[in-house]
Amino acid sequence: MSGCSHQSVAKRAVYWECPADWKQWNKKCYGMTKKPLTFDENKNECALMNAQMVSIHSYDENAVIIYNVTNSTRTWIGLVRNDTKFNGLKWVNDDNVNFLKLSDEANASLFLNSNKRCFTMSYLVKNWHQTTCSEKHWGLCQVEFYDYIVDRKIDALKGNVKLLQQTLLNIEFSNQSKLFWYEYIFYMVTTLNSIYVKMRNLLN
């Protein structure tokens, strides 16, 4: 596919809560890019917001996005044709393709037109349509914010521990006092790591 480089964006969501004007559903926030762009430009625009192009995995999620996020224009989603995949499709963030809402036209011509390798959706047209990636449309971005909430809280706690450790290094204590504080800090870090693992397991 000339001119399109649909590489995965490895980094996931980075928000305490949904950004302003974004919509939340389950573990995701959804938002629109600020202007019509090509597919790759939209992917980069999402990345600049520490987000990814949207991937959709159920009828309910598709409906939520259509009725609460998209405007009446055609909007990019993060689905692309990939002839090396079993079903010929992939999400650019490497999520599993476990749900599709292709239009009849897209189903019928999925592999017939080599130039139409990207997909759009809109409020007016509930299904996903296949199109050329060089067209300019609005784009949908997503962040999975719960994971980041856990990460940020743990990082903040670890940061406080490091600050305390640095403060102790700059203060004169007896060897016995230093040993006590270092043992206490080690205990805190170990406990935080344990809490982190448990919280992540609860969210998965």
N, C-alpha and C. Protein backbone atom coordinates (compact mmCIF):
# COMPACT_ATOMS: atom_id res chain seq x y z
N MET A 1 0.85 -1.17 0.00
CA MET A 1 0.00 0.00 0.00
C MET A 1 0.89 1.23 0.00
N SER A 2 0.92 1.93 -1.10
CA SER A 2 1.82 3.05 -1.24
C SER A 2 1.35 4.21 -0.38
N GLY A 3 2.34 4.84 0.28
CA GLY A 3 2.04 6.03 1.05
C GLY A 3 1.40 5.79 2.40
N CYS A 4 1.12 4.54 2.75
CA CYS A 4 0.49 4.26 4.05
C CYS A 4 1.38 3.31 4.83
N SER A 5 1.68 3.64 6.06
CA SER A 5 2.52 2.78 6.89
C SER A 5 1.78 2.54 8.19
N HIS A 6 0.95 1.50 8.21
CA HIS A 6 0.05 1.28 9.35
C HIS A 6 0.76 0.48 10.43
N GLN A 7 1.77 1.08 11.06
CA GLN A 7 2.47 0.41 12.13
C GLN A 7 1.70 0.59 13.42
N SER A 8 1.88 -0.38 14.32
CA SER A 8 1.14 -0.36 15.57
C SER A 8 1.65 0.74 16.49
N VAL A 9 0.76 1.29 17.27
CA VAL A 9 1.13 2.22 18.33
C VAL A 9 1.14 1.42 19.61
N ALA A 10 2.33 1.17 20.17
CA ALA A 10 2.45 0.24 21.28
C ALA A 10 1.93 0.83 22.58
N LYS A 11 2.12 2.13 22.77
CA LYS A 11 1.78 2.74 24.05
C LYS A 11 0.27 2.89 24.19
N ARG A 12 -0.24 2.58 25.38
CA ARG A 12 -1.67 2.66 25.62
C ARG A 12 -2.04 3.99 26.27
N ALA A 13 -3.22 4.03 26.82
CA ALA A 13 -3.81 5.28 27.29
C ALA A 13 -3.03 5.94 28.41
N VAL A 14 -3.15 7.28 28.48
CA VAL A 14 -2.41 8.01 29.49
C VAL A 14 -3.25 9.13 30.11
N TYR A 15 -4.39 8.82 30.67
CA TYR A 15 -5.23 9.85 31.27
C TYR A 15 -5.78 9.41 32.62
N TRP A 16 -5.83 10.37 33.57
CA TRP A 16 -6.51 10.11 34.84
C TRP A 16 -8.00 9.96 34.61
N GLU A 17 -8.54 10.73 33.70
CA GLU A 17 -9.95 10.68 33.35
C GLU A 17 -10.07 11.06 31.89
N CYS A 18 -11.27 10.97 31.35
CA CYS A 18 -11.44 11.30 29.93
C CYS A 18 -11.06 12.76 29.68
N PRO A 19 -10.35 13.02 28.59
CA PRO A 19 -10.05 14.41 28.23
C PRO A 19 -11.35 15.19 27.99
N ALA A 20 -11.26 16.49 28.04
CA ALA A 20 -12.43 17.35 27.84
C ALA A 20 -13.08 17.05 26.50
N ASP A 21 -14.40 16.93 26.51
CA ASP A 21 -15.22 16.69 25.32
C ASP A 21 -15.12 15.26 24.79
N TRP A 22 -14.39 14.38 25.48
CA TRP A 22 -14.36 12.98 25.09
C TRP A 22 -15.46 12.24 25.85
N LYS A 23 -15.88 11.10 25.30
CA LYS A 23 -16.94 10.30 25.91
C LYS A 23 -16.35 9.02 26.50
N GLN A 24 -16.88 8.63 27.67
CA GLN A 24 -16.40 7.42 28.32
C GLN A 24 -17.42 6.30 28.22
N TRP A 25 -16.94 5.11 27.94
CA TRP A 25 -17.78 3.92 27.95
C TRP A 25 -16.91 2.74 28.35
N ASN A 26 -17.36 2.01 29.38
CA ASN A 26 -16.55 0.92 29.94
C ASN A 26 -15.15 1.43 30.27
N LYS A 27 -14.12 0.79 29.76
CA LYS A 27 -12.75 1.18 30.12
C LYS A 27 -12.11 2.11 29.10
N LYS A 28 -12.91 2.70 28.23
CA LYS A 28 -12.34 3.54 27.18
C LYS A 28 -12.92 4.95 27.20
N CYS A 29 -12.11 5.88 26.71
CA CYS A 29 -12.57 7.23 26.36
C CYS A 29 -12.44 7.38 24.85
N TYR A 30 -13.41 8.04 24.23
CA TYR A 30 -13.41 8.23 22.78
C TYR A 30 -13.47 9.71 22.46
N GLY A 31 -12.69 10.11 21.46
CA GLY A 31 -12.70 11.51 21.04
C GLY A 31 -12.37 11.65 19.57
N MET A 32 -12.76 12.80 19.01
CA MET A 32 -12.54 13.08 17.60
C MET A 32 -11.27 13.91 17.42
N THR A 33 -10.60 13.71 16.29
CA THR A 33 -9.52 14.61 15.93
C THR A 33 -10.10 15.96 15.53
N LYS A 34 -9.25 16.97 15.41
CA LYS A 34 -9.74 18.34 15.30
C LYS A 34 -10.08 18.77 13.87
N LYS A 35 -9.66 18.00 12.88
CA LYS A 35 -9.93 18.37 11.49
C LYS A 35 -9.81 17.14 10.61
N PRO A 36 -10.37 17.18 9.40
CA PRO A 36 -10.25 16.05 8.47
C PRO A 36 -8.79 15.86 8.03
N LEU A 37 -8.34 14.62 8.09
CA LEU A 37 -6.97 14.26 7.71
C LEU A 37 -6.99 12.93 6.99
N THR A 38 -5.87 12.56 6.39
CA THR A 38 -5.75 11.22 5.81
C THR A 38 -5.69 10.20 6.94
N PHE A 39 -5.78 8.94 6.58
CA PHE A 39 -5.76 7.89 7.60
C PHE A 39 -4.49 7.96 8.44
N ASP A 40 -3.33 7.99 7.78
CA ASP A 40 -2.07 8.02 8.52
C ASP A 40 -1.91 9.30 9.33
N GLU A 41 -2.37 10.41 8.79
CA GLU A 41 -2.31 11.67 9.53
C GLU A 41 -3.18 11.60 10.79
N ASN A 42 -4.34 10.96 10.66
CA ASN A 42 -5.20 10.78 11.83
C ASN A 42 -4.55 9.88 12.87
N LYS A 43 -3.90 8.83 12.39
CA LYS A 43 -3.21 7.93 13.32
C LYS A 43 -2.15 8.69 14.11
N ASN A 44 -1.40 9.54 13.40
CA ASN A 44 -0.38 10.34 14.06
C ASN A 44 -1.00 11.37 15.01
N GLU A 45 -2.14 11.94 14.61
CA GLU A 45 -2.83 12.92 15.47
C GLU A 45 -3.27 12.27 16.78
N CYS A 46 -3.79 11.05 16.69
CA CYS A 46 -4.15 10.32 17.91
C CYS A 46 -2.92 10.09 18.79
N ALA A 47 -1.82 9.69 18.15
CA ALA A 47 -0.59 9.42 18.90
C ALA A 47 -0.10 10.66 19.63
N LEU A 48 -0.26 11.83 19.01
CA LEU A 48 0.15 13.08 19.66
C LEU A 48 -0.65 13.33 20.93
N MET A 49 -1.86 12.78 21.00
CA MET A 49 -2.70 12.91 22.20
C MET A 49 -2.51 11.72 23.13
N ASN A 50 -1.44 10.93 22.88
CA ASN A 50 -1.18 9.72 23.66
C ASN A 50 -2.35 8.76 23.59
N ALA A 51 -2.96 8.69 22.43
CA ALA A 51 -4.11 7.83 22.20
C ALA A 51 -3.85 6.97 20.96
N GLN A 52 -4.84 6.17 20.60
CA GLN A 52 -4.77 5.33 19.42
C GLN A 52 -6.03 5.52 18.59
N MET A 53 -5.95 5.16 17.32
CA MET A 53 -7.18 5.11 16.52
C MET A 53 -8.08 4.04 17.11
N VAL A 54 -9.37 4.29 17.05
CA VAL A 54 -10.33 3.45 17.75
C VAL A 54 -10.37 2.04 17.17
N SER A 55 -10.51 1.06 18.07
CA SER A 55 -10.80 -0.33 17.68
C SER A 55 -12.11 -0.72 18.36
N ILE A 56 -12.97 -1.41 17.63
CA ILE A 56 -14.34 -1.68 18.08
C ILE A 56 -14.55 -3.18 18.19
N HIS A 57 -15.13 -3.62 19.31
CA HIS A 57 -15.16 -5.05 19.58
C HIS A 57 -16.54 -5.61 19.94
N SER A 58 -17.58 -4.82 19.77
CA SER A 58 -18.92 -5.34 20.04
C SER A 58 -19.96 -4.43 19.39
N TYR A 59 -21.17 -4.97 19.25
CA TYR A 59 -22.27 -4.18 18.72
C TYR A 59 -22.56 -2.99 19.63
N ASP A 60 -22.53 -3.21 20.95
CA ASP A 60 -22.81 -2.13 21.90
C ASP A 60 -21.78 -1.02 21.78
N GLU A 61 -20.51 -1.40 21.69
CA GLU A 61 -19.46 -0.38 21.57
C GLU A 61 -19.63 0.40 20.28
N ASN A 62 -19.95 -0.29 19.20
CA ASN A 62 -20.17 0.38 17.92
C ASN A 62 -21.32 1.38 18.02
N ALA A 63 -22.41 0.98 18.69
CA ALA A 63 -23.57 1.86 18.83
C ALA A 63 -23.25 3.08 19.68
N VAL A 64 -22.51 2.86 20.77
CA VAL A 64 -22.13 3.98 21.64
C VAL A 64 -21.31 5.00 20.87
N ILE A 65 -20.37 4.53 20.08
CA ILE A 65 -19.52 5.44 19.31
C ILE A 65 -20.35 6.19 18.27
N ILE A 66 -21.21 5.48 17.57
CA ILE A 66 -22.01 6.11 16.51
C ILE A 66 -22.91 7.20 17.07
N TYR A 67 -23.59 6.92 18.18
CA TYR A 67 -24.61 7.85 18.68
C TYR A 67 -24.06 8.91 19.63
N ASN A 68 -22.86 8.71 20.15
CA ASN A 68 -22.35 9.64 21.14
C ASN A 68 -21.06 10.35 20.76
N VAL A 69 -20.38 9.86 19.74
CA VAL A 69 -19.07 10.41 19.42
C VAL A 69 -19.00 10.99 18.03
N THR A 70 -19.38 10.19 17.03
CA THR A 70 -19.18 10.63 15.66
C THR A 70 -20.15 11.74 15.28
N ASN A 71 -19.71 12.58 14.35
CA ASN A 71 -20.63 13.56 13.77
C ASN A 71 -21.22 12.96 12.49
N SER A 72 -21.89 13.76 11.71
CA SER A 72 -22.60 13.22 10.54
C SER A 72 -21.68 12.93 9.36
N THR A 73 -20.42 13.35 9.46
CA THR A 73 -19.47 13.09 8.38
C THR A 73 -18.86 11.71 8.54
N ARG A 74 -18.21 11.25 7.50
CA ARG A 74 -17.51 9.97 7.58
C ARG A 74 -16.28 10.12 8.47
N THR A 75 -16.03 9.10 9.26
CA THR A 75 -14.99 9.17 10.28
C THR A 75 -14.10 7.93 10.20
N TRP A 76 -12.79 8.15 10.25
CA TRP A 76 -11.87 7.02 10.23
C TRP A 76 -12.00 6.18 11.50
N ILE A 77 -11.89 4.86 11.34
CA ILE A 77 -11.65 3.96 12.46
C ILE A 77 -10.31 3.27 12.20
N GLY A 78 -9.78 2.58 13.18
CA GLY A 78 -8.43 2.03 13.06
C GLY A 78 -8.33 0.68 12.37
N LEU A 79 -9.28 0.38 11.50
CA LEU A 79 -9.28 -0.90 10.78
C LEU A 79 -8.66 -0.73 9.40
N VAL A 80 -7.81 -1.68 9.02
CA VAL A 80 -7.19 -1.66 7.70
C VAL A 80 -7.18 -3.06 7.11
N ARG A 81 -7.11 -3.11 5.80
CA ARG A 81 -6.92 -4.40 5.13
C ARG A 81 -5.49 -4.84 5.33
N ASN A 82 -5.32 -6.13 5.57
CA ASN A 82 -3.99 -6.71 5.71
C ASN A 82 -4.05 -8.11 5.13
N ASP A 83 -3.48 -8.27 3.97
CA ASP A 83 -3.63 -9.52 3.23
C ASP A 83 -2.91 -10.69 3.87
N THR A 84 -2.06 -10.43 4.87
CA THR A 84 -1.36 -11.53 5.53
C THR A 84 -2.19 -12.12 6.67
N LYS A 85 -3.26 -11.45 7.06
CA LYS A 85 -4.11 -11.94 8.14
C LYS A 85 -5.13 -12.94 7.59
N PHE A 86 -5.59 -13.81 8.49
CA PHE A 86 -6.53 -14.86 8.09
C PHE A 86 -7.79 -14.28 7.47
N ASN A 87 -8.36 -13.26 8.12
CA ASN A 87 -9.59 -12.66 7.59
C ASN A 87 -9.32 -11.42 6.76
N GLY A 88 -8.04 -11.13 6.52
CA GLY A 88 -7.67 -10.01 5.66
C GLY A 88 -7.80 -8.64 6.29
N LEU A 89 -8.03 -8.57 7.60
CA LEU A 89 -8.23 -7.29 8.28
C LEU A 89 -7.43 -7.23 9.57
N LYS A 90 -7.08 -6.03 9.99
CA LYS A 90 -6.40 -5.86 11.28
C LYS A 90 -6.70 -4.47 11.83
N TRP A 91 -6.66 -4.38 13.15
CA TRP A 91 -6.68 -3.08 13.82
C TRP A 91 -5.25 -2.59 13.92
N VAL A 92 -5.03 -1.30 13.72
CA VAL A 92 -3.67 -0.78 13.71
C VAL A 92 -3.01 -0.83 15.09
N ASN A 93 -3.80 -1.01 16.16
CA ASN A 93 -3.21 -1.16 17.49
C ASN A 93 -3.00 -2.64 17.85
N ASP A 94 -3.19 -3.52 16.85
CA ASP A 94 -2.98 -4.97 17.01
C ASP A 94 -4.01 -5.65 17.91
N ASP A 95 -5.11 -5.00 18.24
CA ASP A 95 -6.20 -5.69 18.93
C ASP A 95 -6.77 -6.79 18.03
N ASN A 96 -7.36 -7.80 18.65
CA ASN A 96 -7.98 -8.87 17.87
C ASN A 96 -9.19 -8.34 17.09
N VAL A 97 -9.33 -8.81 15.87
CA VAL A 97 -10.52 -8.47 15.07
C VAL A 97 -11.60 -9.49 15.41
N ASN A 98 -12.40 -9.18 16.42
CA ASN A 98 -13.43 -10.13 16.88
C ASN A 98 -14.84 -9.61 16.66
N PHE A 99 -14.96 -8.48 15.96
CA PHE A 99 -16.27 -7.92 15.64
C PHE A 99 -16.13 -7.08 14.37
N LEU A 100 -17.11 -7.21 13.46
CA LEU A 100 -17.12 -6.42 12.23
C LEU A 100 -18.52 -5.90 11.97
N LYS A 101 -18.61 -4.71 11.40
CA LYS A 101 -19.90 -4.12 11.01
C LYS A 101 -19.76 -3.57 9.59
N LEU A 102 -19.27 -4.42 8.69
CA LEU A 102 -19.03 -3.99 7.32
C LEU A 102 -20.34 -3.79 6.57
N SER A 103 -20.35 -2.81 5.70
CA SER A 103 -21.50 -2.62 4.82
C SER A 103 -21.55 -3.75 3.81
N ASP A 104 -22.71 -3.93 3.17
CA ASP A 104 -22.83 -4.96 2.13
C ASP A 104 -21.82 -4.72 1.02
N GLU A 105 -21.62 -3.48 0.68
CA GLU A 105 -20.66 -3.14 -0.37
C GLU A 105 -19.25 -3.53 0.03
N ALA A 106 -18.87 -3.23 1.28
CA ALA A 106 -17.53 -3.58 1.75
C ALA A 106 -17.35 -5.09 1.81
N ASN A 107 -18.37 -5.81 2.26
CA ASN A 107 -18.30 -7.27 2.28
C ASN A 107 -18.10 -7.85 0.89
N ALA A 108 -18.81 -7.28 -0.07
CA ALA A 108 -18.77 -7.82 -1.43
C ALA A 108 -17.47 -7.50 -2.15
N SER A 109 -16.87 -6.36 -1.82
CA SER A 109 -15.69 -5.92 -2.58
C SER A 109 -14.43 -5.84 -1.73
N LEU A 110 -14.41 -6.57 -0.61
CA LEU A 110 -13.32 -6.43 0.35
C LEU A 110 -11.95 -6.60 -0.28
N PHE A 111 -11.81 -7.58 -1.17
CA PHE A 111 -10.50 -7.85 -1.76
C PHE A 111 -10.44 -7.54 -3.25
N LEU A 112 -11.45 -6.85 -3.77
CA LEU A 112 -11.51 -6.59 -5.21
C LEU A 112 -10.78 -5.31 -5.59
N ASN A 113 -10.76 -4.34 -4.71
CA ASN A 113 -10.14 -3.05 -5.01
C ASN A 113 -8.91 -2.87 -4.13
N SER A 114 -7.73 -2.98 -4.74
CA SER A 114 -6.49 -2.93 -3.97
C SER A 114 -6.22 -1.56 -3.37
N ASN A 115 -6.89 -0.52 -3.88
CA ASN A 115 -6.65 0.83 -3.37
C ASN A 115 -7.46 1.15 -2.12
N LYS A 116 -8.55 0.44 -1.91
CA LYS A 116 -9.41 0.71 -0.76
C LYS A 116 -9.01 -0.19 0.40
N ARG A 117 -8.13 0.34 1.25
CA ARG A 117 -7.57 -0.48 2.32
C ARG A 117 -7.90 0.04 3.73
N CYS A 118 -8.63 1.14 3.81
CA CYS A 118 -8.98 1.72 5.11
C CYS A 118 -10.50 1.80 5.25
N PHE A 119 -10.97 2.10 6.48
CA PHE A 119 -12.41 2.04 6.75
C PHE A 119 -12.89 3.27 7.51
N THR A 120 -14.13 3.66 7.18
CA THR A 120 -14.79 4.78 7.86
C THR A 120 -16.14 4.33 8.42
N MET A 121 -16.67 5.13 9.34
CA MET A 121 -18.02 4.94 9.85
C MET A 121 -18.65 6.33 9.97
N SER A 122 -19.97 6.39 10.17
CA SER A 122 -20.62 7.68 10.38
C SER A 122 -21.96 7.47 11.06
N TYR A 123 -22.50 8.56 11.60
CA TYR A 123 -23.81 8.50 12.25
C TYR A 123 -24.90 8.16 11.25
N LEU A 124 -24.79 8.69 10.04
CA LEU A 124 -25.81 8.47 9.02
C LEU A 124 -25.75 7.07 8.45
N VAL A 125 -24.53 6.55 8.33
CA VAL A 125 -24.34 5.20 7.78
C VAL A 125 -23.78 4.34 8.90
N LYS A 126 -24.58 3.48 9.45
CA LYS A 126 -24.21 2.76 10.67
C LYS A 126 -23.12 1.72 10.45
N ASN A 127 -22.95 1.27 9.20
CA ASN A 127 -21.95 0.25 8.91
C ASN A 127 -20.60 0.89 8.59
N TRP A 128 -19.58 0.03 8.45
CA TRP A 128 -18.24 0.49 8.12
C TRP A 128 -18.03 0.37 6.62
N HIS A 129 -17.44 1.40 6.04
CA HIS A 129 -17.24 1.43 4.60
C HIS A 129 -15.76 1.44 4.25
N GLN A 130 -15.43 0.72 3.22
CA GLN A 130 -14.06 0.62 2.74
C GLN A 130 -13.75 1.80 1.81
N THR A 131 -12.55 2.39 1.97
CA THR A 131 -12.21 3.54 1.14
C THR A 131 -10.70 3.65 1.01
N THR A 132 -10.25 4.57 0.18
CA THR A 132 -8.81 4.79 0.02
C THR A 132 -8.27 5.55 1.23
N CYS A 133 -7.06 5.23 1.63
CA CYS A 133 -6.49 5.81 2.85
C CYS A 133 -6.07 7.26 2.68
N SER A 134 -6.00 7.73 1.44
CA SER A 134 -5.55 9.10 1.18
C SER A 134 -6.69 10.12 1.27
N GLU A 135 -7.94 9.64 1.35
CA GLU A 135 -9.05 10.58 1.54
C GLU A 135 -8.91 11.28 2.89
N LYS A 136 -9.55 12.43 3.02
CA LYS A 136 -9.47 13.17 4.27
C LYS A 136 -10.81 13.13 5.00
N HIS A 137 -10.76 12.61 6.22
CA HIS A 137 -11.95 12.50 7.07
C HIS A 137 -11.57 12.84 8.51
N TRP A 138 -12.58 13.05 9.33
CA TRP A 138 -12.34 13.14 10.76
C TRP A 138 -11.87 11.78 11.27
N GLY A 139 -11.21 11.78 12.41
CA GLY A 139 -10.71 10.52 12.96
C GLY A 139 -11.20 10.29 14.38
N LEU A 140 -11.30 9.03 14.76
CA LEU A 140 -11.68 8.64 16.11
C LEU A 140 -10.46 8.12 16.86
N CYS A 141 -10.27 8.64 18.07
CA CYS A 141 -9.18 8.18 18.93
C CYS A 141 -9.75 7.56 20.19
N GLN A 142 -8.96 6.72 20.84
CA GLN A 142 -9.39 6.10 22.08
C GLN A 142 -8.23 6.05 23.07
N VAL A 143 -8.57 6.09 24.35
CA VAL A 143 -7.63 5.80 25.42
C VAL A 143 -8.30 4.83 26.37
N GLU A 144 -7.53 3.91 26.93
CA GLU A 144 -8.03 2.96 27.92
C GLU A 144 -7.56 3.46 29.28
N PHE A 145 -8.35 4.32 29.91
CA PHE A 145 -7.84 5.14 30.99
C PHE A 145 -7.71 4.44 32.32
N TYR A 146 -8.41 3.36 32.58
CA TYR A 146 -8.31 2.72 33.89
C TYR A 146 -6.91 2.18 34.16
N ASP A 147 -6.31 1.57 33.14
CA ASP A 147 -4.95 1.07 33.30
C ASP A 147 -4.02 2.20 33.69
N TYR A 148 -4.21 3.34 33.08
CA TYR A 148 -3.31 4.45 33.36
C TYR A 148 -3.55 5.03 34.75
N ILE A 149 -4.79 5.02 35.21
CA ILE A 149 -5.06 5.49 36.57
C ILE A 149 -4.23 4.69 37.57
N VAL A 150 -4.25 3.36 37.41
CA VAL A 150 -3.48 2.51 38.31
C VAL A 150 -2.00 2.83 38.19
N ASP A 151 -1.50 2.91 36.95
CA ASP A 151 -0.08 3.18 36.75
C ASP A 151 0.33 4.51 37.36
N ARG A 152 -0.49 5.55 37.14
CA ARG A 152 -0.14 6.88 37.63
C ARG A 152 -0.14 6.92 39.16
N LYS A 153 -1.11 6.27 39.79
CA LYS A 153 -1.16 6.28 41.25
C LYS A 153 0.06 5.57 41.83
N ILE A 154 0.41 4.44 41.24
CA ILE A 154 1.58 3.71 41.71
C ILE A 154 2.84 4.53 41.47
N ASP A 155 2.95 5.14 40.28
CA ASP A 155 4.12 5.96 39.97
C ASP A 155 4.24 7.13 40.95
N ALA A 156 3.09 7.73 41.29
CA ALA A 156 3.11 8.86 42.22
C ALA A 156 3.60 8.41 43.60
N LEU A 157 3.13 7.25 44.04
CA LEU A 157 3.57 6.73 45.33
C LEU A 157 5.05 6.40 45.32
N LYS A 158 5.49 5.78 44.23
CA LYS A 158 6.92 5.46 44.11
C LYS A 158 7.75 6.74 44.08
N GLY A 159 7.22 7.77 43.42
CA GLY A 159 7.93 9.04 43.37
C GLY A 159 8.10 9.64 44.76
N ASN A 160 7.06 9.52 45.59
CA ASN A 160 7.16 10.02 46.96
C ASN A 160 8.19 9.25 47.76
N VAL A 161 8.25 7.94 47.51
CA VAL A 161 9.24 7.12 48.21
C VAL A 161 10.65 7.53 47.80
N LYS A 162 10.86 7.75 46.51
CA LYS A 162 12.18 8.16 46.03
C LYS A 162 12.57 9.52 46.60
N LEU A 163 11.59 10.43 46.68
CA LEU A 163 11.86 11.74 47.25
C LEU A 163 12.27 11.62 48.71
N LEU A 164 11.56 10.76 49.44
CA LEU A 164 11.91 10.54 50.84
C LEU A 164 13.30 9.95 50.96
N GLN A 165 13.61 9.01 50.08
CA GLN A 165 14.93 8.39 50.11
C GLN A 165 16.03 9.42 49.85
N GLN A 166 15.81 10.29 48.88
CA GLN A 166 16.80 11.32 48.56
C GLN A 166 16.96 12.30 49.72
N THR A 167 15.83 12.62 50.36
CA THR A 167 15.88 13.53 51.50
C THR A 167 16.71 12.94 52.63
N LEU A 168 16.51 11.65 52.86
CA LEU A 168 17.26 10.98 53.92
C LEU A 168 18.75 10.97 53.63
N LEU A 169 19.10 10.85 52.36
CA LEU A 169 20.52 10.84 52.00
C LEU A 169 21.18 12.19 52.32
N ASN A 170 20.37 13.24 52.30
CA ASN A 170 20.92 14.58 52.51
C ASN A 170 20.87 15.02 53.97
N ILE A 171 20.35 14.17 54.82
CA ILE A 171 20.24 14.50 56.24
C ILE A 171 21.18 13.61 57.04
N GLU A 172 21.82 14.20 58.01
CA GLU A 172 22.73 13.45 58.85
C GLU A 172 21.95 12.64 59.89
N PHE A 173 22.07 11.32 59.79
CA PHE A 173 21.48 10.43 60.78
C PHE A 173 22.57 9.52 61.31
N SER A 174 22.30 8.96 62.44
CA SER A 174 23.19 7.91 62.91
C SER A 174 23.02 6.70 62.01
N ASN A 175 23.99 5.81 62.00
CA ASN A 175 23.92 4.62 61.16
C ASN A 175 22.69 3.79 61.48
N GLN A 176 22.32 3.73 62.76
CA GLN A 176 21.16 2.95 63.16
C GLN A 176 19.87 3.57 62.61
N SER A 177 19.76 4.90 62.64
CA SER A 177 18.57 5.57 62.11
C SER A 177 18.47 5.37 60.60
N LYS A 178 19.60 5.48 59.90
CA LYS A 178 19.59 5.29 58.46
C LYS A 178 19.14 3.88 58.11
N LEU A 179 19.63 2.90 58.86
CA LEU A 179 19.25 1.52 58.59
C LEU A 179 17.75 1.34 58.75
N PHE A 180 17.18 1.95 59.78
CA PHE A 180 15.74 1.85 59.99
C PHE A 180 14.98 2.44 58.81
N TRP A 181 15.36 3.63 58.36
CA TRP A 181 14.64 4.28 57.28
C TRP A 181 14.80 3.54 55.96
N TYR A 182 15.98 3.03 55.68
CA TYR A 182 16.17 2.28 54.44
C TYR A 182 15.33 1.01 54.44
N GLU A 183 15.27 0.34 55.59
CA GLU A 183 14.43 -0.86 55.68
C GLU A 183 12.96 -0.49 55.51
N TYR A 184 12.56 0.65 56.04
CA TYR A 184 11.17 1.10 55.90
C TYR A 184 10.85 1.42 54.44
N ILE A 185 11.76 2.08 53.76
CA ILE A 185 11.56 2.41 52.35
C ILE A 185 11.48 1.15 51.51
N PHE A 186 12.35 0.19 51.79
CA PHE A 186 12.32 -1.07 51.05
C PHE A 186 10.97 -1.76 51.24
N TYR A 187 10.47 -1.73 52.45
CA TYR A 187 9.16 -2.33 52.74
C TYR A 187 8.06 -1.62 51.96
N MET A 188 8.11 -0.29 51.91
CA MET A 188 7.09 0.47 51.18
C MET A 188 7.10 0.15 49.70
N VAL A 189 8.29 0.09 49.11
CA VAL A 189 8.39 -0.21 47.68
C VAL A 189 7.86 -1.60 47.38
N THR A 190 8.22 -2.57 48.22
CA THR A 190 7.75 -3.94 48.03
C THR A 190 6.23 -4.01 48.15
N THR A 191 5.68 -3.31 49.12
CA THR A 191 4.22 -3.28 49.30
C THR A 191 3.53 -2.63 48.12
N LEU A 192 4.08 -1.53 47.63
CA LEU A 192 3.50 -0.84 46.48
C LEU A 192 3.48 -1.72 45.25
N ASN A 193 4.56 -2.44 45.03
CA ASN A 193 4.60 -3.35 43.88
C ASN A 193 3.54 -4.43 44.00
N SER A 194 3.35 -4.94 45.21
CA SER A 194 2.32 -5.96 45.43
C SER A 194 0.93 -5.39 45.17
N ILE A 195 0.67 -4.17 45.65
CA ILE A 195 -0.62 -3.52 45.41
C ILE A 195 -0.83 -3.29 43.93
N TYR A 196 0.21 -2.86 43.25
CA TYR A 196 0.14 -2.61 41.81
C TYR A 196 -0.30 -3.86 41.06
N VAL A 197 0.33 -4.99 41.36
CA VAL A 197 -0.01 -6.24 40.68
C VAL A 197 -1.46 -6.62 40.96
N LYS A 198 -1.90 -6.49 42.20
CA LYS A 198 -3.27 -6.85 42.55
C LYS A 198 -4.28 -5.95 41.85
N MET A 199 -4.01 -4.66 41.80
CA MET A 199 -4.93 -3.73 41.15
C MET A 199 -5.03 -4.00 39.66
N ARG A 200 -3.89 -4.27 39.02
CA ARG A 200 -3.91 -4.56 37.59
C ARG A 200 -4.68 -5.85 37.31
N ASN A 201 -4.53 -6.85 38.19
CA ASN A 201 -5.26 -8.11 38.00
C ASN A 201 -6.77 -7.90 38.14
N LEU A 202 -7.18 -7.01 39.02
CA LEU A 202 -8.60 -6.73 39.19
C LEU A 202 -9.19 -6.06 37.96
N LEU A 203 -8.40 -5.26 37.27
CA LEU A 203 -8.90 -4.54 36.10
C LEU A 203 -8.92 -5.39 34.85
N ASN A 204 -8.10 -6.44 34.83
CA ASN A 204 -8.03 -7.29 33.63
C ASN A 204 -9.20 -8.26 33.58
